[in-house]
Every structure is written in structure tokens, then in C-alpha cells.
Amino acid sequence: MTPRQQLAEAVQRAASRTVTQESASWCLASVTAVYTDGTVDVSTALGPIARVRRLKAYSSPAVGDRVKVDFNADGNCIVVGALATS
């Protein structure tokens, strides 16, 4: 591989990481711990996240709840609420 090709691939990898890190997104998760300060621990497909703030409307979190987690461009996240169970 030529130096020019190596540089082009490095730039492409860096751009891809930047776009991924700076975009807002969401995922599904399971609640693994509930705290009295308005936070919960969740387990996502990408790994665990500790002490995630939850919306006030999600007032009765429980371990095992399936929840939606929103992420902003800065990497901060919030638990929106539990999904309906069938």
C-alpha cells in the first residue's frame, strides 16, 4: 500500500469515528440497578452504562425493565422510559 493510500484510509477512519461520536442516537437497554437520586444503571448491546439520569415521567423504574436510552452528540445519555410489556 502506498503512503498516499495509507493516508487516505487514515483520514477515512478518523472521519468515520468523528461522525459516529458526534451524532445523536438511541438504543434499547435493560435496567440493572435503580438509585434514589433519579438514575439507573443500564446494560446495552455496547456494554453497561452507570448512573444514567432518567426522565421524571419514568417514575417507577425496576430492575429488568427494557428502556429506550437517548444519546446526544456530546456522548451524554438519558433514559426516556420503559417499553410496554406484552
N, C-alpha and C. Protein backbone atom coordinates (compact mmCIF):
# COMPACT_ATOMS: atom_id res chain seq x y z
N MET A 1 0.85 -1.18 0.00
CA MET A 1 0.00 0.00 0.00
C MET A 1 0.90 1.24 0.00
N THR A 2 0.58 2.17 -0.83
CA THR A 2 1.39 3.38 -0.94
C THR A 2 1.11 4.32 0.23
N PRO A 3 2.02 5.23 0.51
CA PRO A 3 1.80 6.21 1.58
C PRO A 3 0.53 7.04 1.35
N ARG A 4 0.24 7.33 0.10
CA ARG A 4 -0.97 8.10 -0.22
C ARG A 4 -2.22 7.30 0.15
N GLN A 5 -2.24 6.00 -0.15
CA GLN A 5 -3.37 5.15 0.19
C GLN A 5 -3.50 5.00 1.71
N GLN A 6 -2.37 4.88 2.39
CA GLN A 6 -2.40 4.79 3.86
C GLN A 6 -2.98 6.06 4.47
N LEU A 7 -2.58 7.20 3.94
CA LEU A 7 -3.10 8.47 4.43
C LEU A 7 -4.60 8.57 4.16
N ALA A 8 -5.03 8.20 2.98
CA ALA A 8 -6.45 8.26 2.63
C ALA A 8 -7.27 7.36 3.56
N GLU A 9 -6.78 6.16 3.86
CA GLU A 9 -7.50 5.27 4.77
C GLU A 9 -7.53 5.82 6.19
N ALA A 10 -6.45 6.42 6.64
CA ALA A 10 -6.40 7.01 7.97
C ALA A 10 -7.39 8.16 8.10
N VAL A 11 -7.47 8.99 7.07
CA VAL A 11 -8.43 10.11 7.07
C VAL A 11 -9.85 9.57 7.09
N GLN A 12 -10.13 8.54 6.31
CA GLN A 12 -11.46 7.96 6.27
C GLN A 12 -11.84 7.37 7.63
N ARG A 13 -10.93 6.66 8.29
CA ARG A 13 -11.21 6.10 9.61
C ARG A 13 -11.49 7.20 10.62
N ALA A 14 -10.68 8.26 10.60
CA ALA A 14 -10.86 9.37 11.53
C ALA A 14 -12.20 10.07 11.30
N ALA A 15 -12.56 10.28 10.06
CA ALA A 15 -13.84 10.92 9.74
C ALA A 15 -15.00 10.05 10.19
N SER A 16 -14.90 8.76 9.99
CA SER A 16 -15.96 7.84 10.39
C SER A 16 -16.14 7.85 11.90
N ARG A 17 -15.03 7.83 12.65
CA ARG A 17 -15.12 7.87 14.12
C ARG A 17 -15.75 9.18 14.58
N THR A 18 -15.38 10.28 13.96
CA THR A 18 -15.91 11.58 14.35
C THR A 18 -17.40 11.66 14.12
N VAL A 19 -17.87 11.20 12.99
CA VAL A 19 -19.30 11.22 12.68
C VAL A 19 -20.05 10.35 13.67
N THR A 20 -19.53 9.18 13.97
CA THR A 20 -20.19 8.28 14.90
C THR A 20 -20.26 8.90 16.29
N GLN A 21 -19.18 9.50 16.74
CA GLN A 21 -19.12 10.07 18.08
C GLN A 21 -19.97 11.33 18.21
N GLU A 22 -20.13 12.10 17.16
CA GLU A 22 -20.81 13.38 17.26
C GLU A 22 -22.25 13.35 16.78
N SER A 23 -22.79 12.17 16.58
CA SER A 23 -24.18 12.10 16.15
C SER A 23 -25.06 11.65 17.31
N ALA A 24 -26.26 12.17 17.34
CA ALA A 24 -27.23 11.74 18.34
C ALA A 24 -27.80 10.39 17.92
N SER A 25 -28.12 9.59 18.90
CA SER A 25 -28.68 8.28 18.59
C SER A 25 -29.47 7.76 19.79
N TRP A 26 -29.94 6.54 19.68
CA TRP A 26 -30.66 5.91 20.78
C TRP A 26 -30.41 4.41 20.71
N CYS A 27 -30.72 3.73 21.81
CA CYS A 27 -30.61 2.28 21.84
C CYS A 27 -31.58 1.72 22.88
N LEU A 28 -31.79 0.43 22.83
CA LEU A 28 -32.58 -0.25 23.84
C LEU A 28 -31.63 -0.82 24.89
N ALA A 29 -32.08 -0.86 26.13
CA ALA A 29 -31.24 -1.34 27.22
C ALA A 29 -32.11 -2.02 28.27
N SER A 30 -31.46 -2.69 29.19
CA SER A 30 -32.13 -3.28 30.34
C SER A 30 -31.62 -2.60 31.60
N VAL A 31 -32.52 -2.29 32.51
CA VAL A 31 -32.15 -1.67 33.78
C VAL A 31 -31.51 -2.74 34.66
N THR A 32 -30.33 -2.44 35.20
CA THR A 32 -29.64 -3.40 36.07
C THR A 32 -29.56 -2.94 37.52
N ALA A 33 -29.79 -1.65 37.77
CA ALA A 33 -29.82 -1.13 39.14
C ALA A 33 -30.62 0.17 39.15
N VAL A 34 -31.29 0.43 40.25
CA VAL A 34 -32.10 1.65 40.41
C VAL A 34 -31.60 2.39 41.65
N TYR A 35 -31.42 3.70 41.53
CA TYR A 35 -30.95 4.52 42.64
C TYR A 35 -31.99 5.57 42.99
N THR A 36 -31.93 6.08 44.23
CA THR A 36 -32.92 7.07 44.70
C THR A 36 -32.64 8.47 44.20
N ASP A 37 -31.50 8.69 43.53
CA ASP A 37 -31.16 10.04 43.05
C ASP A 37 -31.66 10.32 41.63
N GLY A 38 -32.53 9.44 41.09
CA GLY A 38 -33.07 9.66 39.75
C GLY A 38 -32.24 9.05 38.65
N THR A 39 -31.33 8.15 39.00
CA THR A 39 -30.50 7.50 38.00
C THR A 39 -30.70 5.99 38.04
N VAL A 40 -30.30 5.35 36.96
CA VAL A 40 -30.33 3.90 36.86
C VAL A 40 -29.07 3.43 36.15
N ASP A 41 -28.66 2.20 36.41
CA ASP A 41 -27.62 1.56 35.62
C ASP A 41 -28.32 0.76 34.54
N VAL A 42 -27.76 0.77 33.33
CA VAL A 42 -28.36 0.01 32.24
C VAL A 42 -27.30 -0.84 31.55
N SER A 43 -27.76 -1.89 30.91
CA SER A 43 -26.90 -2.75 30.10
C SER A 43 -27.38 -2.64 28.66
N THR A 44 -26.47 -2.23 27.76
CA THR A 44 -26.80 -2.07 26.35
C THR A 44 -26.01 -3.10 25.54
N ALA A 45 -26.29 -3.16 24.26
CA ALA A 45 -25.55 -4.05 23.38
C ALA A 45 -24.07 -3.66 23.30
N LEU A 46 -23.77 -2.40 23.59
CA LEU A 46 -22.38 -1.91 23.55
C LEU A 46 -21.70 -2.03 24.90
N GLY A 47 -22.44 -2.43 25.94
CA GLY A 47 -21.87 -2.57 27.27
C GLY A 47 -22.68 -1.83 28.31
N PRO A 48 -22.27 -1.93 29.57
CA PRO A 48 -23.01 -1.27 30.65
C PRO A 48 -22.75 0.23 30.70
N ILE A 49 -23.74 0.96 31.20
CA ILE A 49 -23.61 2.40 31.44
C ILE A 49 -24.12 2.65 32.85
N ALA A 50 -23.30 3.27 33.68
CA ALA A 50 -23.65 3.51 35.08
C ALA A 50 -24.28 4.88 35.27
N ARG A 51 -25.20 4.92 36.20
CA ARG A 51 -25.81 6.17 36.68
C ARG A 51 -26.34 7.06 35.56
N VAL A 52 -27.23 6.52 34.76
CA VAL A 52 -27.86 7.29 33.69
C VAL A 52 -29.08 8.00 34.27
N ARG A 53 -29.17 9.29 34.03
CA ARG A 53 -30.31 10.08 34.51
C ARG A 53 -31.56 9.61 33.78
N ARG A 54 -32.70 9.57 34.48
CA ARG A 54 -33.97 9.18 33.85
C ARG A 54 -34.93 10.35 33.85
N LEU A 55 -35.82 10.36 32.85
CA LEU A 55 -36.84 11.40 32.80
C LEU A 55 -37.80 11.23 33.97
N LYS A 56 -38.33 12.34 34.43
CA LYS A 56 -39.25 12.32 35.57
C LYS A 56 -40.50 11.48 35.28
N ALA A 57 -40.91 11.44 34.03
CA ALA A 57 -42.10 10.66 33.65
C ALA A 57 -41.90 9.17 33.87
N TYR A 58 -40.65 8.72 33.86
CA TYR A 58 -40.32 7.31 34.14
C TYR A 58 -40.14 7.20 35.65
N SER A 59 -41.26 7.22 36.36
CA SER A 59 -41.24 7.40 37.81
C SER A 59 -41.07 6.12 38.62
N SER A 60 -41.28 4.97 38.03
CA SER A 60 -41.19 3.72 38.79
C SER A 60 -40.26 2.72 38.10
N PRO A 61 -38.98 3.05 38.00
CA PRO A 61 -38.07 2.12 37.33
C PRO A 61 -37.89 0.86 38.17
N ALA A 62 -37.66 -0.24 37.47
CA ALA A 62 -37.42 -1.52 38.15
C ALA A 62 -36.33 -2.28 37.41
N VAL A 63 -35.54 -3.02 38.16
CA VAL A 63 -34.52 -3.86 37.55
C VAL A 63 -35.20 -4.82 36.58
N GLY A 64 -34.66 -4.93 35.38
CA GLY A 64 -35.23 -5.78 34.35
C GLY A 64 -36.07 -5.05 33.33
N ASP A 65 -36.45 -3.80 33.62
CA ASP A 65 -37.22 -3.01 32.64
C ASP A 65 -36.41 -2.88 31.35
N ARG A 66 -37.09 -2.98 30.20
CA ARG A 66 -36.50 -2.67 28.89
C ARG A 66 -36.78 -1.20 28.66
N VAL A 67 -35.74 -0.43 28.39
CA VAL A 67 -35.88 1.02 28.27
C VAL A 67 -35.23 1.53 27.00
N LYS A 68 -35.64 2.74 26.60
CA LYS A 68 -35.01 3.45 25.50
C LYS A 68 -34.04 4.46 26.10
N VAL A 69 -32.81 4.46 25.57
CA VAL A 69 -31.78 5.38 26.03
C VAL A 69 -31.42 6.29 24.86
N ASP A 70 -31.52 7.61 25.06
CA ASP A 70 -31.15 8.58 24.04
C ASP A 70 -29.76 9.12 24.34
N PHE A 71 -28.95 9.30 23.28
CA PHE A 71 -27.60 9.86 23.39
C PHE A 71 -27.55 11.15 22.60
N ASN A 72 -26.85 12.17 23.14
CA ASN A 72 -26.66 13.39 22.35
C ASN A 72 -25.26 13.40 21.75
N ALA A 73 -24.95 14.42 21.01
CA ALA A 73 -23.68 14.49 20.29
C ALA A 73 -22.47 14.55 21.23
N ASP A 74 -22.67 15.00 22.46
CA ASP A 74 -21.57 15.08 23.43
C ASP A 74 -21.31 13.76 24.13
N GLY A 75 -22.15 12.75 23.85
CA GLY A 75 -21.97 11.45 24.49
C GLY A 75 -22.77 11.29 25.77
N ASN A 76 -23.55 12.30 26.14
CA ASN A 76 -24.39 12.19 27.31
C ASN A 76 -25.63 11.38 26.96
N CYS A 77 -26.21 10.74 27.96
CA CYS A 77 -27.39 9.93 27.68
C CYS A 77 -28.44 10.10 28.77
N ILE A 78 -29.67 9.71 28.43
CA ILE A 78 -30.80 9.80 29.34
C ILE A 78 -31.74 8.64 29.05
N VAL A 79 -32.30 8.06 30.11
CA VAL A 79 -33.30 7.01 29.95
C VAL A 79 -34.65 7.68 29.76
N VAL A 80 -35.28 7.41 28.63
CA VAL A 80 -36.55 8.03 28.30
C VAL A 80 -37.69 7.37 29.06
N GLY A 81 -37.70 6.06 29.12
CA GLY A 81 -38.75 5.34 29.83
C GLY A 81 -38.79 3.89 29.45
N ALA A 82 -39.64 3.16 30.15
CA ALA A 82 -39.77 1.73 29.92
C ALA A 82 -40.66 1.46 28.71
N LEU A 83 -40.37 0.38 28.04
CA LEU A 83 -41.21 -0.07 26.93
C LEU A 83 -42.40 -0.85 27.48
N ALA A 84 -43.49 -0.86 26.75
CA ALA A 84 -44.67 -1.62 27.16
C ALA A 84 -44.34 -3.11 27.13
N THR A 85 -44.87 -3.84 28.06
CA THR A 85 -44.69 -5.29 28.08
C THR A 85 -45.94 -5.95 27.56
N SER A 86 -45.78 -7.13 26.99
CA SER A 86 -46.96 -7.81 26.47
C SER A 86 -47.32 -9.00 27.31
